């Protein structure tokens, strides 16, 4: 049996006591590892998807068109289909990224003249088109078709706002 002293004379430690302590320590470490204490994989924050800026711009543009249509009712028929395009883009991008897009309600905007409103929207479309084109060049082939279509649509919107 393991009841003889372990080499430290006079200390009272037996092999059974030392082995029991070691087993207890091992069990404690195993339990701690099982509860995620030593897991590093789950603690790292998920990096944002490279297409997130394209999604964000789609939502921003849709809201801008909605605000402009409210501020300039005479432009509503012209701007509403463009806002719908951006909402469709946002829905497809969110599906691709694995997110749920927030529902953006249009808030009222201060009224300005129609020409200034259209010029501001055109400039926003041009900027957003460049973002989408850059994302298309940098994304995978599987995602490039959608992002390329969005870039082309944004360019078309900019021309429609001339």
N, C-alpha and C. Protein backbone atom coordinates (compact mmCIF):
# COMPACT_ATOMS: atom_id res chain seq x y z
N UNK A 1 0.82 -1.18 0.00
CA UNK A 1 0.00 0.00 0.00
C UNK A 1 0.87 1.24 0.00
N UNK A 2 0.28 2.39 -0.26
CA UNK A 2 0.98 3.66 -0.33
C UNK A 2 0.82 4.45 0.97
N UNK A 3 1.20 3.87 2.06
CA UNK A 3 1.03 4.56 3.33
C UNK A 3 2.35 4.96 3.95
N UNK A 4 3.44 4.67 3.30
CA UNK A 4 4.74 5.05 3.84
C UNK A 4 4.97 6.54 3.64
N UNK A 5 5.76 7.20 4.48
CA UNK A 5 6.07 8.61 4.29
C UNK A 5 6.74 8.85 2.95
N UNK A 6 6.54 10.02 2.38
CA UNK A 6 7.02 10.35 1.05
C UNK A 6 8.42 10.90 1.07
N UNK A 7 9.21 10.82 1.80
CA UNK A 7 10.57 11.32 1.70
C UNK A 7 10.81 12.53 2.57
N UNK A 8 9.81 13.14 3.09
CA UNK A 8 9.99 14.26 4.00
C UNK A 8 9.72 13.69 5.38
N UNK A 9 10.77 13.40 6.05
CA UNK A 9 10.63 12.74 7.34
C UNK A 9 10.05 13.68 8.36
N UNK A 10 9.14 13.18 9.10
CA UNK A 10 8.54 13.93 10.18
C UNK A 10 7.46 14.90 9.73
N UNK A 11 7.17 15.00 8.45
CA UNK A 11 6.16 15.96 8.01
C UNK A 11 4.76 15.38 8.07
N UNK A 12 4.63 14.08 8.06
CA UNK A 12 3.33 13.45 8.12
C UNK A 12 2.66 13.29 6.77
N UNK A 13 3.33 13.65 5.68
CA UNK A 13 2.75 13.48 4.35
C UNK A 13 2.92 12.04 3.92
N UNK A 14 1.84 11.44 3.48
CA UNK A 14 1.91 10.08 2.96
C UNK A 14 1.72 10.14 1.46
N UNK A 15 2.04 9.06 0.80
CA UNK A 15 1.83 9.00 -0.64
C UNK A 15 0.36 9.18 -0.98
N UNK A 16 -0.49 8.59 -0.17
CA UNK A 16 -1.93 8.69 -0.40
C UNK A 16 -2.36 10.15 -0.33
N UNK A 17 -1.85 10.89 0.61
CA UNK A 17 -2.21 12.29 0.79
C UNK A 17 -1.68 13.14 -0.37
N UNK A 18 -0.46 12.90 -0.81
CA UNK A 18 0.13 13.64 -1.92
C UNK A 18 -0.61 13.33 -3.22
N UNK A 19 -0.89 12.04 -3.48
CA UNK A 19 -1.60 11.66 -4.70
C UNK A 19 -3.03 12.20 -4.69
N UNK A 20 -3.67 12.20 -3.53
CA UNK A 20 -5.02 12.75 -3.42
C UNK A 20 -5.04 14.24 -3.71
N UNK A 21 -4.04 14.95 -3.19
CA UNK A 21 -3.94 16.39 -3.46
C UNK A 21 -3.70 16.67 -4.92
N UNK A 22 -2.84 15.88 -5.54
CA UNK A 22 -2.57 16.06 -6.97
C UNK A 22 -3.81 15.77 -7.79
N UNK A 23 -4.55 14.72 -7.43
CA UNK A 23 -5.79 14.40 -8.16
C UNK A 23 -6.80 15.52 -7.99
N UNK A 24 -6.90 16.07 -6.81
CA UNK A 24 -7.83 17.18 -6.58
C UNK A 24 -7.46 18.41 -7.39
N UNK A 25 -6.17 18.71 -7.47
CA UNK A 25 -5.72 19.85 -8.26
C UNK A 25 -6.02 19.64 -9.74
N UNK A 26 -5.79 18.42 -10.21
CA UNK A 26 -6.06 18.09 -11.61
C UNK A 26 -7.55 18.23 -11.91
N UNK A 27 -8.39 17.75 -11.00
CA UNK A 27 -9.83 17.85 -11.17
C UNK A 27 -10.27 19.31 -11.19
N UNK A 28 -9.70 20.13 -10.33
CA UNK A 28 -10.03 21.56 -10.30
C UNK A 28 -9.64 22.24 -11.61
N UNK A 29 -8.47 21.95 -12.13
CA UNK A 29 -8.01 22.55 -13.39
C UNK A 29 -8.89 22.10 -14.55
N UNK A 30 -9.30 20.83 -14.54
CA UNK A 30 -10.15 20.32 -15.59
C UNK A 30 -11.51 21.02 -15.55
N UNK A 31 -12.05 21.21 -14.36
CA UNK A 31 -13.33 21.89 -14.22
C UNK A 31 -13.21 23.34 -14.68
N UNK A 32 -12.12 24.00 -14.32
CA UNK A 32 -11.92 25.39 -14.71
C UNK A 32 -11.79 25.50 -16.23
N UNK A 33 -11.09 24.57 -16.83
CA UNK A 33 -10.95 24.60 -18.28
C UNK A 33 -12.27 24.32 -18.96
N UNK A 34 -13.09 23.47 -18.39
CA UNK A 34 -14.38 23.13 -18.96
C UNK A 34 -15.37 24.28 -18.88
N UNK A 35 -15.21 25.18 -17.92
CA UNK A 35 -16.15 26.29 -17.79
C UNK A 35 -15.77 27.46 -18.67
N UNK A 36 -14.70 27.35 -19.43
CA UNK A 36 -14.32 28.41 -20.34
C UNK A 36 -13.31 29.37 -19.79
N UNK A 37 -12.77 29.10 -18.63
CA UNK A 37 -11.81 30.00 -18.02
C UNK A 37 -10.57 30.16 -18.88
N UNK A 38 -10.14 29.08 -19.52
CA UNK A 38 -8.93 29.13 -20.32
C UNK A 38 -9.20 29.16 -21.83
N UNK A 39 -10.46 29.30 -22.23
CA UNK A 39 -10.80 29.36 -23.64
C UNK A 39 -10.57 30.77 -24.16
N UNK A 40 -9.68 30.91 -25.13
CA UNK A 40 -9.39 32.21 -25.71
C UNK A 40 -10.21 32.47 -26.96
N UNK A 41 -10.75 31.42 -27.58
CA UNK A 41 -11.42 31.58 -28.86
C UNK A 41 -12.67 32.43 -28.76
N UNK A 42 -13.46 32.29 -27.71
CA UNK A 42 -14.72 33.00 -27.60
C UNK A 42 -14.56 34.42 -27.09
N UNK A 43 -13.41 34.77 -26.55
CA UNK A 43 -13.25 36.09 -25.96
C UNK A 43 -12.84 37.14 -26.99
N UNK A 44 -12.40 36.73 -28.14
CA UNK A 44 -12.00 37.69 -29.17
C UNK A 44 -13.25 38.27 -29.84
N UNK A 45 -13.34 39.57 -29.95
CA UNK A 45 -14.51 40.14 -30.62
C UNK A 45 -14.48 39.82 -32.11
N UNK A 46 -15.66 39.61 -32.64
CA UNK A 46 -15.78 39.29 -34.06
C UNK A 46 -15.45 40.53 -34.88
N UNK A 47 -14.60 40.36 -35.87
CA UNK A 47 -14.24 41.49 -36.74
C UNK A 47 -15.44 41.85 -37.60
N UNK A 48 -15.63 43.14 -37.85
CA UNK A 48 -16.77 43.53 -38.69
C UNK A 48 -16.58 43.01 -40.12
N UNK A 49 -17.68 42.72 -40.74
CA UNK A 49 -17.65 42.23 -42.11
C UNK A 49 -17.17 43.35 -43.02
N UNK A 50 -16.32 43.04 -44.01
CA UNK A 50 -15.84 44.08 -44.93
C UNK A 50 -16.95 44.76 -45.73
N UNK A 51 -18.10 44.12 -45.83
CA UNK A 51 -19.22 44.72 -46.57
C UNK A 51 -20.12 45.58 -45.67
N UNK A 52 -19.80 45.68 -44.40
CA UNK A 52 -20.61 46.48 -43.49
C UNK A 52 -20.74 47.95 -43.93
N UNK A 53 -19.65 48.58 -44.41
CA UNK A 53 -19.81 49.97 -44.89
C UNK A 53 -20.79 50.10 -46.06
N UNK A 54 -20.84 49.11 -46.92
CA UNK A 54 -21.77 49.14 -48.05
C UNK A 54 -23.21 49.03 -47.53
N UNK A 55 -23.41 48.17 -46.54
CA UNK A 55 -24.73 48.04 -45.92
C UNK A 55 -25.12 49.33 -45.21
N UNK A 56 -24.20 49.89 -44.46
CA UNK A 56 -24.49 51.14 -43.75
C UNK A 56 -24.88 52.25 -44.71
N UNK A 57 -24.16 52.35 -45.82
CA UNK A 57 -24.48 53.39 -46.81
C UNK A 57 -25.84 53.16 -47.46
N UNK A 58 -26.19 51.90 -47.69
CA UNK A 58 -27.51 51.61 -48.27
C UNK A 58 -28.61 52.09 -47.34
N UNK A 59 -28.45 51.84 -46.06
CA UNK A 59 -29.45 52.30 -45.09
C UNK A 59 -29.49 53.83 -45.01
N UNK A 60 -28.31 54.44 -45.03
CA UNK A 60 -28.22 55.90 -44.97
C UNK A 60 -28.86 56.54 -46.19
N UNK A 61 -28.59 55.98 -47.36
CA UNK A 61 -29.17 56.52 -48.59
C UNK A 61 -30.69 56.37 -48.61
N UNK A 62 -31.18 55.20 -48.19
CA UNK A 62 -32.64 55.00 -48.16
C UNK A 62 -33.29 56.04 -47.26
N UNK A 63 -32.71 56.27 -46.10
CA UNK A 63 -33.26 57.26 -45.17
C UNK A 63 -33.17 58.68 -45.75
N UNK A 64 -32.07 58.97 -46.44
CA UNK A 64 -31.91 60.30 -47.05
C UNK A 64 -32.97 60.54 -48.12
N UNK A 65 -33.24 59.53 -48.93
CA UNK A 65 -34.28 59.66 -49.95
C UNK A 65 -35.65 59.84 -49.31
N UNK A 66 -35.92 59.09 -48.26
CA UNK A 66 -37.21 59.22 -47.58
C UNK A 66 -37.37 60.63 -47.00
N UNK A 67 -36.31 61.14 -46.37
CA UNK A 67 -36.37 62.51 -45.81
C UNK A 67 -36.58 63.54 -46.93
N UNK A 68 -35.88 63.36 -48.02
CA UNK A 68 -35.99 64.30 -49.13
C UNK A 68 -37.40 64.27 -49.74
N UNK A 69 -37.97 63.08 -49.85
CA UNK A 69 -39.33 62.96 -50.40
C UNK A 69 -40.35 63.63 -49.49
N UNK A 70 -40.11 63.56 -48.19
CA UNK A 70 -41.01 64.25 -47.25
C UNK A 70 -40.84 65.76 -47.33
N UNK A 71 -39.60 66.21 -47.45
CA UNK A 71 -39.32 67.64 -47.49
C UNK A 71 -39.72 68.26 -48.82
N UNK A 72 -39.63 67.48 -49.89
CA UNK A 72 -39.95 67.96 -51.24
C UNK A 72 -40.99 67.03 -51.87
N UNK A 73 -42.25 67.18 -51.54
CA UNK A 73 -43.28 66.29 -52.07
C UNK A 73 -43.31 66.21 -53.61
N UNK A 74 -42.87 67.27 -54.28
CA UNK A 74 -42.85 67.25 -55.75
C UNK A 74 -41.82 66.26 -56.28
N UNK A 75 -40.84 65.89 -55.46
CA UNK A 75 -39.81 64.93 -55.88
C UNK A 75 -40.14 63.50 -55.46
N UNK A 76 -41.21 63.33 -54.73
CA UNK A 76 -41.52 62.03 -54.15
C UNK A 76 -41.58 60.90 -55.19
N UNK A 77 -42.27 61.14 -56.28
CA UNK A 77 -42.40 60.10 -57.31
C UNK A 77 -41.05 59.73 -57.91
N UNK A 78 -40.15 60.68 -57.97
CA UNK A 78 -38.82 60.45 -58.53
C UNK A 78 -37.89 59.74 -57.53
N UNK A 79 -38.02 60.06 -56.25
CA UNK A 79 -37.08 59.56 -55.24
C UNK A 79 -37.49 58.26 -54.56
N UNK A 80 -38.79 58.01 -54.48
CA UNK A 80 -39.27 56.81 -53.77
C UNK A 80 -38.73 55.51 -54.36
N UNK A 81 -38.69 55.33 -55.68
CA UNK A 81 -38.13 54.08 -56.22
C UNK A 81 -36.63 53.93 -55.90
N UNK A 82 -35.91 55.04 -55.82
CA UNK A 82 -34.48 54.96 -55.50
C UNK A 82 -34.29 54.54 -54.04
N UNK A 83 -35.12 55.04 -53.16
CA UNK A 83 -35.08 54.62 -51.76
C UNK A 83 -35.39 53.13 -51.64
N UNK A 84 -36.35 52.67 -52.41
CA UNK A 84 -36.72 51.25 -52.39
C UNK A 84 -35.55 50.38 -52.85
N UNK A 85 -34.81 50.85 -53.85
CA UNK A 85 -33.62 50.11 -54.30
C UNK A 85 -32.62 49.95 -53.16
N UNK A 86 -32.39 51.01 -52.44
CA UNK A 86 -31.41 50.96 -51.34
C UNK A 86 -31.88 50.06 -50.20
N UNK A 87 -33.18 50.04 -49.94
CA UNK A 87 -33.69 49.12 -48.92
C UNK A 87 -33.52 47.67 -49.37
N UNK A 88 -33.73 47.42 -50.67
CA UNK A 88 -33.52 46.06 -51.19
C UNK A 88 -32.05 45.67 -51.09
N UNK A 89 -31.15 46.60 -51.40
CA UNK A 89 -29.71 46.33 -51.27
C UNK A 89 -29.37 46.01 -49.82
N UNK A 90 -29.90 46.80 -48.90
CA UNK A 90 -29.63 46.59 -47.48
C UNK A 90 -30.11 45.21 -47.03
N UNK A 91 -31.27 44.81 -47.50
CA UNK A 91 -31.81 43.50 -47.12
C UNK A 91 -30.91 42.37 -47.63
N UNK A 92 -30.47 42.47 -48.88
CA UNK A 92 -29.61 41.43 -49.44
C UNK A 92 -28.23 41.41 -48.78
N UNK A 93 -27.68 42.58 -48.53
CA UNK A 93 -26.38 42.64 -47.84
C UNK A 93 -26.47 42.08 -46.43
N UNK A 94 -27.54 42.42 -45.73
CA UNK A 94 -27.71 41.92 -44.36
C UNK A 94 -27.82 40.40 -44.37
N UNK A 95 -28.53 39.86 -45.35
CA UNK A 95 -28.65 38.41 -45.47
C UNK A 95 -27.28 37.78 -45.72
N UNK A 96 -26.50 38.39 -46.59
CA UNK A 96 -25.17 37.90 -46.93
C UNK A 96 -24.22 37.97 -45.73
N UNK A 97 -24.29 39.06 -44.99
CA UNK A 97 -23.43 39.26 -43.83
C UNK A 97 -23.90 38.44 -42.64
N UNK A 98 -25.20 38.17 -42.59
CA UNK A 98 -25.75 37.43 -41.46
C UNK A 98 -26.29 38.34 -40.37
N UNK A 99 -26.78 39.50 -40.75
CA UNK A 99 -27.33 40.45 -39.80
C UNK A 99 -28.77 40.78 -40.16
N UNK A 100 -29.46 41.36 -39.22
CA UNK A 100 -30.79 41.87 -39.47
C UNK A 100 -30.68 43.38 -39.59
N UNK A 101 -31.03 43.94 -40.74
CA UNK A 101 -30.90 45.39 -40.87
C UNK A 101 -31.93 46.09 -40.00
N UNK A 102 -31.54 47.20 -39.39
CA UNK A 102 -32.52 47.95 -38.61
C UNK A 102 -33.55 48.59 -39.53
N UNK A 103 -34.76 48.68 -39.05
CA UNK A 103 -35.77 49.35 -39.86
C UNK A 103 -35.61 50.84 -39.61
N UNK A 104 -35.35 51.55 -40.68
CA UNK A 104 -35.11 52.99 -40.56
C UNK A 104 -36.38 53.73 -40.93
N UNK A 105 -36.86 54.51 -40.02
CA UNK A 105 -38.01 55.36 -40.30
C UNK A 105 -37.50 56.72 -40.74
N UNK A 106 -38.18 57.27 -41.69
CA UNK A 106 -37.76 58.58 -42.20
C UNK A 106 -38.15 59.66 -41.20
N UNK A 107 -37.21 60.49 -40.88
CA UNK A 107 -37.51 61.62 -40.03
C UNK A 107 -37.68 62.84 -40.92
N UNK A 108 -38.33 63.83 -40.40
CA UNK A 108 -38.55 65.01 -41.22
C UNK A 108 -37.24 65.77 -41.38
N UNK A 109 -37.10 66.39 -42.50
CA UNK A 109 -35.89 67.17 -42.79
C UNK A 109 -36.31 68.60 -43.08
N UNK A 110 -35.44 69.53 -42.80
CA UNK A 110 -35.78 70.91 -43.14
C UNK A 110 -35.91 71.06 -44.65
N UNK A 111 -36.88 71.81 -45.05
CA UNK A 111 -37.12 71.99 -46.48
C UNK A 111 -36.03 72.86 -47.09
N UNK A 112 -35.55 72.44 -48.22
CA UNK A 112 -34.63 73.25 -49.01
C UNK A 112 -35.15 73.19 -50.44
N UNK A 113 -34.48 73.88 -51.33
CA UNK A 113 -35.01 73.84 -52.69
C UNK A 113 -34.71 72.49 -53.34
N UNK A 114 -35.52 72.15 -54.32
CA UNK A 114 -35.45 70.84 -54.95
C UNK A 114 -34.09 70.60 -55.61
N UNK A 115 -33.54 71.62 -56.24
CA UNK A 115 -32.25 71.45 -56.93
C UNK A 115 -31.14 71.12 -55.94
N UNK A 116 -31.13 71.78 -54.78
CA UNK A 116 -30.10 71.50 -53.77
C UNK A 116 -30.27 70.10 -53.19
N UNK A 117 -31.52 69.69 -53.01
CA UNK A 117 -31.80 68.35 -52.49
C UNK A 117 -31.29 67.29 -53.47
N UNK A 118 -31.60 67.44 -54.72
CA UNK A 118 -31.18 66.48 -55.74
C UNK A 118 -29.66 66.47 -55.86
N UNK A 119 -29.03 67.63 -55.82
CA UNK A 119 -27.57 67.71 -55.91
C UNK A 119 -26.90 67.00 -54.73
N UNK A 120 -27.45 67.17 -53.54
CA UNK A 120 -26.88 66.49 -52.37
C UNK A 120 -27.05 64.98 -52.47
N UNK A 121 -28.20 64.54 -52.94
CA UNK A 121 -28.41 63.09 -53.11
C UNK A 121 -27.48 62.52 -54.18
N UNK A 122 -27.28 63.26 -55.25
CA UNK A 122 -26.39 62.80 -56.32
C UNK A 122 -24.96 62.65 -55.79
N UNK A 123 -24.52 63.61 -55.02
CA UNK A 123 -23.17 63.54 -54.44
C UNK A 123 -23.05 62.33 -53.50
N UNK A 124 -24.08 62.08 -52.70
CA UNK A 124 -24.08 60.92 -51.81
C UNK A 124 -24.04 59.61 -52.60
N UNK A 125 -24.77 59.56 -53.71
CA UNK A 125 -24.76 58.36 -54.56
C UNK A 125 -23.37 58.13 -55.15
N UNK A 126 -22.71 59.20 -55.60
CA UNK A 126 -21.38 59.06 -56.18
C UNK A 126 -20.38 58.53 -55.15
N UNK A 127 -20.44 59.06 -53.95
CA UNK A 127 -19.55 58.60 -52.88
C UNK A 127 -19.83 57.13 -52.55
N UNK A 128 -21.10 56.79 -52.43
CA UNK A 128 -21.48 55.42 -52.10
C UNK A 128 -21.12 54.46 -53.23
N UNK A 129 -21.19 54.92 -54.45
CA UNK A 129 -20.82 54.07 -55.60
C UNK A 129 -19.33 53.73 -55.53
N UNK A 130 -18.52 54.68 -55.16
CA UNK A 130 -17.08 54.43 -55.03
C UNK A 130 -16.79 53.42 -53.92
N UNK A 131 -17.51 53.53 -52.83
CA UNK A 131 -17.35 52.57 -51.73
C UNK A 131 -17.70 51.17 -52.20
N UNK A 132 -18.83 51.04 -52.89
CA UNK A 132 -19.27 49.73 -53.37
C UNK A 132 -18.31 49.16 -54.41
N UNK A 133 -17.81 50.00 -55.30
CA UNK A 133 -16.86 49.52 -56.32
C UNK A 133 -15.56 49.03 -55.66
N UNK A 134 -15.09 49.76 -54.67
CA UNK A 134 -13.87 49.32 -53.96
C UNK A 134 -14.12 48.01 -53.22
N UNK A 135 -15.28 47.88 -52.60
CA UNK A 135 -15.61 46.64 -51.89
C UNK A 135 -15.73 45.48 -52.86
N UNK A 136 -16.24 45.74 -54.06
CA UNK A 136 -16.37 44.70 -55.08
C UNK A 136 -15.00 44.16 -55.49
N UNK A 137 -14.04 45.05 -55.61
CA UNK A 137 -12.68 44.62 -55.99
C UNK A 137 -12.00 43.84 -54.89
N UNK A 138 -12.38 44.07 -53.64
CA UNK A 138 -11.70 43.45 -52.52
C UNK A 138 -12.41 42.23 -51.95
N UNK A 139 -13.62 41.96 -52.38
CA UNK A 139 -14.37 40.86 -51.80
C UNK A 139 -14.16 39.57 -52.59
N UNK A 140 -14.70 38.49 -52.07
CA UNK A 140 -14.59 37.20 -52.73
C UNK A 140 -15.46 37.17 -53.98
N UNK A 141 -15.19 36.22 -54.84
CA UNK A 141 -15.95 36.09 -56.08
C UNK A 141 -17.42 35.82 -55.80
N UNK A 142 -17.70 35.08 -54.74
CA UNK A 142 -19.09 34.76 -54.40
C UNK A 142 -19.88 36.01 -54.02
N UNK A 143 -19.22 37.00 -53.47
CA UNK A 143 -19.90 38.22 -53.03
C UNK A 143 -19.83 39.33 -54.09
N UNK A 144 -18.91 39.22 -55.01
CA UNK A 144 -18.66 40.29 -55.98
C UNK A 144 -19.86 40.58 -56.87
N UNK A 145 -20.63 39.57 -57.22
CA UNK A 145 -21.78 39.80 -58.10
C UNK A 145 -22.78 40.75 -57.45
N UNK A 146 -23.12 40.50 -56.18
CA UNK A 146 -24.07 41.37 -55.50
C UNK A 146 -23.50 42.78 -55.32
N UNK A 147 -22.26 42.87 -54.85
CA UNK A 147 -21.67 44.18 -54.59
C UNK A 147 -21.45 44.95 -55.90
N UNK A 148 -21.10 44.26 -56.96
CA UNK A 148 -20.96 44.91 -58.26
C UNK A 148 -22.28 45.44 -58.77
N UNK A 149 -23.35 44.68 -58.56
CA UNK A 149 -24.68 45.15 -58.95
C UNK A 149 -25.08 46.39 -58.17
N UNK A 150 -24.74 46.41 -56.89
CA UNK A 150 -25.05 47.57 -56.06
C UNK A 150 -24.27 48.79 -56.54
N UNK A 151 -22.99 48.59 -56.86
CA UNK A 151 -22.18 49.70 -57.37
C UNK A 151 -22.76 50.24 -58.67
N UNK A 152 -23.19 49.35 -59.57
CA UNK A 152 -23.77 49.78 -60.84
C UNK A 152 -25.09 50.52 -60.62
N UNK A 153 -25.88 50.04 -59.69
CA UNK A 153 -27.16 50.70 -59.39
C UNK A 153 -26.93 52.10 -58.84
N UNK A 154 -25.94 52.23 -57.98
CA UNK A 154 -25.63 53.54 -57.41
C UNK A 154 -25.16 54.51 -58.48
N UNK A 155 -24.39 54.02 -59.43
CA UNK A 155 -23.96 54.87 -60.54
C UNK A 155 -25.15 55.29 -61.39
N UNK A 156 -26.09 54.37 -61.60
CA UNK A 156 -27.30 54.68 -62.35
C UNK A 156 -28.14 55.73 -61.61
N UNK A 157 -28.23 55.60 -60.29
CA UNK A 157 -28.97 56.59 -59.51
C UNK A 157 -28.34 57.98 -59.66
N UNK A 158 -27.02 58.03 -59.62
CA UNK A 158 -26.34 59.33 -59.76
C UNK A 158 -26.68 59.96 -61.11
N UNK A 159 -26.72 59.15 -62.15
CA UNK A 159 -27.06 59.68 -63.47
C UNK A 159 -28.54 60.07 -63.55
N UNK A 160 -29.39 59.32 -62.88
CA UNK A 160 -30.83 59.65 -62.89
C UNK A 160 -31.12 60.96 -62.16
N UNK A 161 -30.20 61.36 -61.29
CA UNK A 161 -30.39 62.59 -60.52
C UNK A 161 -29.77 63.81 -61.22
N UNK A 162 -29.30 63.67 -62.44
CA UNK A 162 -28.75 64.82 -63.19
C UNK A 162 -29.81 65.82 -63.49
